[in-house]
Protein backbone atom coordinates (compact mmCIF):
# COMPACT_ATOMS: atom_id res chain seq x y z
CA MET A 1 8.38 79.59 -83.19
CA THR A 2 7.95 78.25 -79.58
CA ASP A 3 10.83 77.60 -77.85
CA THR A 4 11.59 74.08 -78.18
CA LEU A 5 11.77 73.98 -81.70
CA ASN A 6 14.45 77.60 -81.28
CA LYS A 7 17.47 76.77 -81.68
CA ILE A 8 20.86 78.02 -79.43
CA ALA A 9 24.01 79.95 -80.67
CA LEU A 10 26.57 81.62 -78.38
CA VAL A 11 28.21 84.40 -80.56
CA THR A 12 31.34 86.29 -78.24
CA GLY A 13 32.39 89.25 -79.19
CA GLY A 14 27.78 90.12 -79.81
CA SER A 15 27.88 93.70 -78.48
CA ARG A 16 28.68 95.20 -81.40
CA GLY A 17 30.48 95.24 -85.04
CA LEU A 18 29.74 92.06 -87.08
CA GLY A 19 29.40 90.05 -83.57
CA LYS A 20 25.77 91.98 -83.06
CA ASN A 21 25.39 92.04 -86.59
CA THR A 22 25.59 88.34 -86.54
CA ALA A 23 23.44 87.91 -83.67
CA LEU A 24 20.65 89.92 -85.12
CA GLN A 25 20.74 87.43 -88.28
CA LEU A 26 21.03 84.29 -86.88
CA VAL A 27 17.70 85.59 -84.50
CA LYS A 28 15.87 86.19 -87.99
CA ARG A 29 16.97 82.98 -88.81
CA GLY A 30 15.37 81.71 -86.12
CA PHE A 31 17.67 81.33 -83.64
CA ASP A 32 18.19 82.47 -79.35
CA VAL A 33 21.30 84.25 -78.97
CA VAL A 34 23.74 83.95 -76.08
CA ILE A 35 26.17 86.59 -77.18
CA THR A 36 29.83 88.44 -74.44
CA TYR A 37 31.06 90.86 -73.91
CA GLN A 38 34.23 92.24 -72.38
CA SER A 39 34.11 95.39 -71.18
CA LYS A 40 30.93 97.15 -72.76
CA LYS A 41 28.26 95.79 -70.48
CA GLU A 42 25.63 98.73 -71.37
CA ASP A 43 25.80 98.36 -75.33
CA ALA A 44 25.82 94.41 -75.12
CA GLU A 45 22.38 94.74 -72.78
CA ASN A 46 21.14 97.49 -75.57
CA VAL A 47 21.81 93.56 -78.07
CA VAL A 48 19.66 91.93 -75.78
CA SER A 49 16.85 94.20 -75.61
CA GLU A 50 16.32 94.58 -79.36
CA ILE A 51 17.10 90.53 -79.40
CA ASN A 52 14.21 90.21 -76.44
CA ALA A 53 11.99 92.86 -79.02
CA LEU A 54 11.62 91.14 -82.02
CA GLY A 55 10.23 88.43 -79.88
CA GLN A 56 13.12 86.04 -78.75
CA LYS A 57 15.53 85.08 -76.26
CA ALA A 58 18.88 86.82 -75.55
CA PHE A 59 21.40 86.81 -72.43
CA ALA A 60 24.80 89.07 -72.34
CA VAL A 61 27.64 87.11 -70.47
CA GLN A 62 31.26 88.84 -69.28
CA LEU A 63 34.38 87.18 -71.39
CA ASP A 64 37.71 88.26 -71.26
CA ILE A 65 38.97 86.47 -73.91
CA ALA A 66 42.07 86.91 -73.44
CA SER A 67 42.37 84.92 -70.34
CA THR A 68 41.58 80.96 -70.84
CA ALA A 69 41.47 81.42 -66.72
CA GLY A 70 38.02 82.87 -66.39
CA PHE A 71 36.72 79.89 -69.14
CA GLU A 72 35.51 77.84 -66.36
CA ALA A 73 33.10 80.10 -64.75
CA PHE A 74 32.37 81.01 -68.41
CA LYS A 75 31.38 78.18 -69.42
CA ASN A 76 29.72 77.44 -65.69
CA GLN A 77 27.43 80.44 -66.28
CA VAL A 78 26.58 79.14 -69.86
CA ALA A 79 25.38 76.01 -68.40
CA THR A 80 23.07 78.44 -66.29
CA ILE A 81 21.27 80.16 -68.31
CA LEU A 82 20.88 76.60 -70.55
CA LYS A 83 19.42 74.80 -67.96
CA ASN A 84 17.01 78.00 -66.50
CA ASN A 85 15.95 79.14 -69.64
CA PHE A 86 16.44 76.77 -72.03
CA GLU A 87 15.21 73.73 -70.29
CA GLY A 88 18.70 72.03 -70.17
CA ARG A 89 19.10 72.11 -74.16
CA LYS A 90 22.49 72.48 -75.13
CA LEU A 91 23.47 74.92 -77.74
CA ASP A 92 23.64 74.46 -81.53
CA ALA A 93 25.95 77.32 -83.00
CA LEU A 94 28.97 78.54 -81.81
CA VAL A 95 30.93 81.80 -83.20
CA ASN A 96 34.06 83.12 -81.89
CA ASN A 97 33.65 86.02 -83.28
CA ALA A 98 35.59 88.44 -79.98
CA GLY A 99 38.17 90.16 -81.15
CA ILE A 100 40.56 93.30 -81.87
CA GLY A 101 42.73 94.75 -84.63
CA ILE A 102 46.62 95.64 -84.67
CA ASN A 103 48.31 98.09 -87.28
CA THR A 104 52.37 97.89 -86.82
CA PRO A 105 54.82 97.09 -88.30
CA PHE A 106 57.01 94.06 -88.50
CA GLU A 107 60.00 96.05 -87.39
CA GLN A 108 58.16 97.56 -84.42
CA THR A 109 55.68 95.02 -83.45
CA THR A 110 57.00 93.72 -79.66
CA GLU A 111 56.67 90.53 -78.32
CA GLU A 112 53.56 91.91 -76.06
CA MET A 113 51.51 92.97 -79.10
CA LEU A 114 52.11 89.56 -80.62
CA ASP A 115 51.61 87.74 -77.16
CA ALA A 116 48.35 89.90 -77.21
CA MET A 117 47.10 89.03 -81.14
CA THR A 118 48.14 85.05 -80.09
CA ASN A 119 46.10 85.05 -76.82
CA ILE A 120 43.03 86.65 -78.14
CA HIS A 121 42.53 85.01 -81.98
CA PHE A 122 44.51 82.38 -81.56
CA LYS A 123 44.73 80.84 -77.72
CA GLY A 124 41.06 81.96 -76.87
CA PRO A 125 38.69 81.05 -79.41
CA TYR A 126 41.01 77.30 -79.08
CA PHE A 127 40.43 76.69 -75.50
CA LEU A 128 37.28 77.96 -75.54
CA THR A 129 35.92 76.14 -77.85
CA GLN A 130 37.24 72.78 -76.16
CA LYS A 131 35.57 74.14 -72.92
CA LEU A 132 31.85 74.33 -74.85
CA LEU A 133 32.74 70.84 -76.07
CA SER A 134 30.43 69.27 -73.40
CA LEU A 135 27.66 72.24 -74.28
CA LEU A 136 27.49 71.87 -78.00
CA ASN A 137 25.24 69.09 -79.47
CA ASP A 138 26.23 66.80 -81.60
CA GLY A 139 25.63 67.95 -85.32
CA SER A 140 26.25 71.66 -83.98
CA SER A 141 27.79 74.54 -86.26
CA ILE A 142 31.39 76.19 -85.72
CA VAL A 143 32.42 79.60 -87.39
CA ASN A 144 35.66 80.34 -86.82
CA THR A 145 36.57 84.43 -87.82
CA SER A 146 39.47 84.95 -89.66
CA SER A 147 40.11 87.22 -92.08
CA GLY A 148 40.78 88.17 -95.41
CA LEU A 149 44.69 89.72 -94.50
CA ALA A 150 45.62 85.42 -93.52
CA ARG A 151 45.70 85.33 -97.84
CA PHE A 152 45.98 89.00 -99.25
CA SER A 153 48.75 91.38 -97.32
CA PHE A 154 49.05 94.60 -95.92
CA VAL A 155 51.97 96.88 -94.05
CA GLY A 156 51.36 96.60 -90.67
CA TYR A 157 49.20 93.45 -90.78
CA SER A 158 51.66 90.83 -89.67
CA ALA A 159 50.84 89.56 -86.51
CA TYR A 160 46.86 90.12 -87.04
CA GLY A 161 47.38 88.23 -90.17
CA ALA A 162 49.19 85.22 -88.62
CA MET A 163 46.74 84.62 -86.19
CA LYS A 164 44.28 84.83 -88.83
CA ALA A 165 46.13 81.73 -90.88
CA ALA A 166 46.64 80.12 -88.03
CA VAL A 167 42.88 79.79 -86.51
CA ASP A 168 41.97 78.82 -91.09
CA SER A 169 44.85 75.43 -90.43
CA LEU A 170 43.18 75.18 -87.11
CA THR A 171 39.02 75.10 -88.57
CA ARG A 172 40.37 72.15 -90.56
CA TYR A 173 41.84 69.80 -87.51
CA GLN A 174 38.51 71.06 -85.66
CA ALA A 175 36.70 69.65 -88.81
CA LEU A 176 38.36 66.54 -88.60
CA GLU A 177 38.43 65.39 -85.22
CA LEU A 178 35.12 66.82 -84.54
CA GLY A 179 33.67 65.37 -87.29
CA THR A 180 32.74 62.04 -85.15
CA ARG A 181 29.88 64.12 -83.60
CA LYS A 182 29.10 64.86 -86.98
CA ILE A 183 30.27 68.76 -85.86
CA ARG A 184 30.52 71.12 -88.68
CA VAL A 185 33.64 73.61 -88.32
CA ASN A 186 34.26 76.64 -91.36
CA SER A 187 36.21 79.50 -91.39
CA ILE A 188 34.54 83.42 -92.33
CA ALA A 189 37.17 85.59 -93.95
CA PRO A 190 35.93 89.04 -93.31
CA GLY A 191 37.49 91.50 -95.96
CA ALA A 192 37.57 95.52 -94.96
CA ILE A 193 34.17 96.21 -93.69
CA GLU A 194 33.00 99.56 -92.83
CA THR A 195 32.88 99.23 -88.49
CA ASP A 196 34.61 100.66 -85.55
CA PHE A 197 37.17 97.79 -85.32
CA GLY A 198 40.63 99.43 -86.00
CA GLY A 199 39.83 102.73 -84.74
CA GLY A 200 37.00 103.26 -87.22
CA ILE A 201 40.04 103.31 -90.51
CA VAL A 202 37.32 101.32 -92.78
CA ARG A 203 34.52 103.52 -92.35
CA ASP A 204 36.08 106.44 -91.74
CA ASN A 205 39.03 107.47 -93.88
CA ASN A 206 37.81 108.08 -96.94
CA ASP A 207 41.22 107.69 -99.01
CA MET A 208 40.83 104.14 -97.29
CA ASN A 209 37.44 103.16 -98.39
CA THR A 210 38.23 104.85 -101.72
CA MET A 211 41.79 102.20 -102.48
CA ILE A 212 39.78 99.41 -101.57
CA SER A 213 37.01 99.55 -102.87
CA SER A 214 38.51 100.86 -106.16
CA GLN A 215 40.12 96.85 -105.40
CA THR A 216 36.77 95.01 -104.99
CA ALA A 217 35.43 93.38 -108.32
CA LEU A 218 31.83 94.55 -106.71
CA GLY A 219 32.64 98.34 -106.52
CA ARG A 220 32.58 98.69 -102.69
CA VAL A 221 33.84 98.30 -99.41
CA GLY A 222 31.65 95.82 -96.79
CA LEU A 223 29.19 96.25 -94.59
CA PRO A 224 28.40 94.47 -91.34
CA ASP A 225 25.32 92.71 -93.28
CA ASP A 226 27.61 91.05 -95.64
CA ILE A 227 29.24 89.36 -92.89
CA GLY A 228 26.42 88.39 -90.66
CA THR A 229 24.56 86.94 -93.10
CA ALA A 230 27.26 83.95 -94.07
CA VAL A 231 28.27 83.64 -90.90
CA ALA A 232 23.80 82.61 -89.42
CA PHE A 233 23.93 80.72 -93.51
CA LEU A 234 26.82 78.31 -91.76
CA CYS A 235 24.85 78.42 -88.27
CA SER A 236 21.85 77.63 -90.04
CA ASP A 237 20.92 73.56 -91.42
CA ASP A 238 21.56 75.15 -95.25
CA SER A 239 24.79 74.83 -95.00
CA LYS A 240 25.23 71.17 -93.56
CA TRP A 241 26.87 70.16 -96.55
CA ILE A 242 29.98 72.25 -95.71
CA ASN A 243 32.72 71.77 -93.89
CA ALA A 244 36.43 72.50 -93.27
CA GLN A 245 36.01 75.54 -95.28
CA ARG A 246 37.80 79.09 -95.38
CA ILE A 247 34.89 81.54 -96.78
CA GLU A 248 35.78 85.11 -98.03
CA VAL A 249 33.69 87.34 -97.79
CA SER A 250 35.45 90.68 -99.15
CA GLY A 251 33.25 91.10 -102.57
CA GLY A 252 35.88 89.72 -104.46
CA PHE A 253 38.89 92.06 -102.73
CA MET A 254 42.40 91.56 -104.60
CA ILE A 255 41.52 89.48 -106.99
C-alpha cells in the first residue's frame, strides 16, 4: 500500500501484551501505528522496529495515562508526528488499551488503590479521548478496553472490575455524543489472557489456567492474538455498523 492509502491508529500501552498484538494486527489490516509506553521504552522501540520491518510506519511516544497533566504535550507530539510523517492527516482509530491490574480484597482496598484504578482505567481514557478529538477523522473508530470482570466477579477485583464497568457505560455515551461526527465507539472485554498482565497469573499459574479453561466453552484460556484480531476488526471498515457495543472476547467463559 502507499502511504496515502494507509489508515493511522493510535494504541495506548502498545509496548507489550494485548497492546502490542493489537498494533501488529492493525498493521496486517493496512494501518500505520503510533503506540504509547509508560516506562518500557526499549520494548516500545522493538515493536516499532518489528512494524517497520513489515514495511509500514510506526512511532512510539511516552505517555503516563494516569496523569492528565501530560495530555496536552502528548497531543502536540502526536500532531507533530502526523504533520511530519503523514502529510498532516488525522487518526482513523484510537485504542484505549493501557492499564494495570490489581487484585486486593474489597475490605483491604485503599483509597490510593481506588484512585489509581480510576485514573488509569477511567479518568485517563476519558480525558485523553477528549483531548485527541481534534486529531481524529470524522468516521473514525474508538475502541475502549473493558474486561470480562465487568460482567462476572472474582474476589479481589472490585476496584478493577468497577472501573471497567464504568468504561462500558462511558462507551455508550461517547457513541451517542460523537455520532454526529460518525465516530463509532465500542468496548472490547477480554476474558483471561496469557500475558504478563497481573504478574502473569493466567499464563504462569497452572491451577488458575486449568480452572479458567474448565469454565470456558471453547476449553482454553485466551491468547493475545484472540484479542488483537478483534480490536483490529473494530477499527476497520468491516465493522462499520457496529457501534455502542460491549463485545466480550472470552471464548464463552462462565456462560
